[in-house]
Amino acid sequence: MSNIPSWFAIMIFPDYYRSLSKIDRAKYAKNAQVSQRYIEAHLLHRRKNPKPTTMQKLADASDGLLTYSNLTAWFYRADSQQ
């Protein structure tokens, strides 16, 4: 894991993923054991909710920039703004 400064705010998933270069997106997907296509087609737009084990892998692959709690809050957020 990288050494994250204490002042650094945890990112939300789409912001984190979009901040990565094309090469880093491929590495991230590989490290999280999911395909880039799955991330881009389903996860970025919350079309599917990943399994808890997959969310943990996504968090682990982010080097501390995403957390499991952060991901569950984002994927399972209440749709109260309808």
Protein backbone atom coordinates (compact mmCIF):
# COMPACT_ATOMS: atom_id res chain seq x y z
CA MET A 1 0.00 0.00 0.00
CA SER A 2 1.09 3.52 -0.65
CA ASN A 3 1.69 6.02 2.12
CA ILE A 4 -1.50 8.16 1.99
CA PRO A 5 -1.41 11.55 3.75
CA SER A 6 -3.94 11.84 6.60
CA TRP A 7 -5.56 14.91 4.98
CA PHE A 8 -6.37 13.01 1.78
CA ALA A 9 -10.09 12.45 1.30
CA ILE A 10 -11.27 9.02 0.23
CA MET A 11 -12.38 9.13 -3.41
CA ILE A 12 -15.63 7.84 -4.81
CA PHE A 13 -15.30 4.98 -7.24
CA PRO A 14 -15.99 6.71 -10.60
CA ASP A 15 -13.67 9.61 -9.76
CA TYR A 16 -10.91 7.23 -8.77
CA TYR A 17 -11.25 5.07 -11.88
CA ARG A 18 -11.47 8.02 -14.27
CA SER A 19 -8.37 9.57 -12.71
CA LEU A 20 -6.30 6.57 -13.82
CA SER A 21 -4.41 6.45 -17.11
CA LYS A 22 -5.40 3.83 -19.66
CA ILE A 23 -2.49 1.64 -18.58
CA ASP A 24 -3.30 2.08 -14.89
CA ARG A 25 -6.95 1.19 -15.53
CA ALA A 26 -5.82 -2.10 -17.04
CA LYS A 27 -3.52 -2.76 -14.05
CA TYR A 28 -6.26 -1.86 -11.59
CA ALA A 29 -8.76 -4.22 -13.23
CA LYS A 30 -6.22 -7.03 -13.31
CA ASN A 31 -5.28 -6.51 -9.65
CA ALA A 32 -8.97 -6.46 -8.68
CA GLN A 33 -9.55 -9.63 -10.74
CA VAL A 34 -12.28 -8.08 -12.90
CA SER A 35 -12.27 -6.95 -16.51
CA GLN A 36 -12.07 -3.34 -17.62
CA ARG A 37 -15.22 -3.96 -19.64
CA TYR A 38 -17.09 -5.05 -16.48
CA ILE A 39 -15.95 -1.93 -14.63
CA GLU A 40 -16.81 0.42 -17.49
CA ALA A 41 -20.09 -1.19 -18.53
CA HIS A 42 -21.55 -2.05 -15.15
CA LEU A 43 -19.76 -0.55 -12.16
CA LEU A 44 -19.10 3.07 -13.17
CA HIS A 45 -22.79 3.69 -13.73
CA ARG A 46 -24.05 1.37 -10.96
CA ARG A 47 -25.85 -0.88 -13.42
CA LYS A 48 -24.77 -3.83 -11.29
CA ASN A 49 -23.68 -4.09 -7.69
CA PRO A 50 -20.55 -6.18 -7.26
CA LYS A 51 -20.39 -8.98 -4.73
CA PRO A 52 -18.88 -8.05 -1.36
CA THR A 53 -15.75 -10.05 -2.20
CA THR A 54 -15.37 -8.09 -5.44
CA MET A 55 -15.82 -4.79 -3.61
CA GLN A 56 -13.03 -5.80 -1.26
CA LYS A 57 -10.79 -6.61 -4.24
CA LEU A 58 -11.62 -3.23 -5.81
CA ALA A 59 -10.70 -1.50 -2.55
CA ASP A 60 -7.48 -3.49 -2.12
CA ALA A 61 -6.38 -2.78 -5.69
CA SER A 62 -6.75 1.00 -5.16
CA ASP A 63 -3.76 1.24 -2.77
CA GLY A 64 -5.86 2.79 -0.04
CA LEU A 65 -7.69 5.39 -2.12
CA LEU A 66 -10.95 3.44 -1.90
CA THR A 67 -12.24 1.54 1.10
CA TYR A 68 -14.72 -1.31 1.37
CA SER A 69 -17.04 0.93 3.39
CA ASN A 70 -16.73 3.70 0.84
CA LEU A 71 -17.57 1.31 -1.99
CA THR A 72 -20.57 -0.25 -0.24
CA ALA A 73 -21.92 3.22 0.54
CA TRP A 74 -21.55 4.24 -3.08
CA PHE A 75 -22.97 1.07 -4.65
CA TYR A 76 -25.82 0.61 -2.18
CA ARG A 77 -26.73 4.25 -1.70
CA ALA A 78 -30.38 5.16 -1.17
CA ASP A 79 -32.07 6.50 -4.28
CA SER A 80 -33.81 9.27 -2.37
CA GLN A 81 -33.23 11.92 -5.07
CA GLN A 82 -35.90 10.63 -7.44
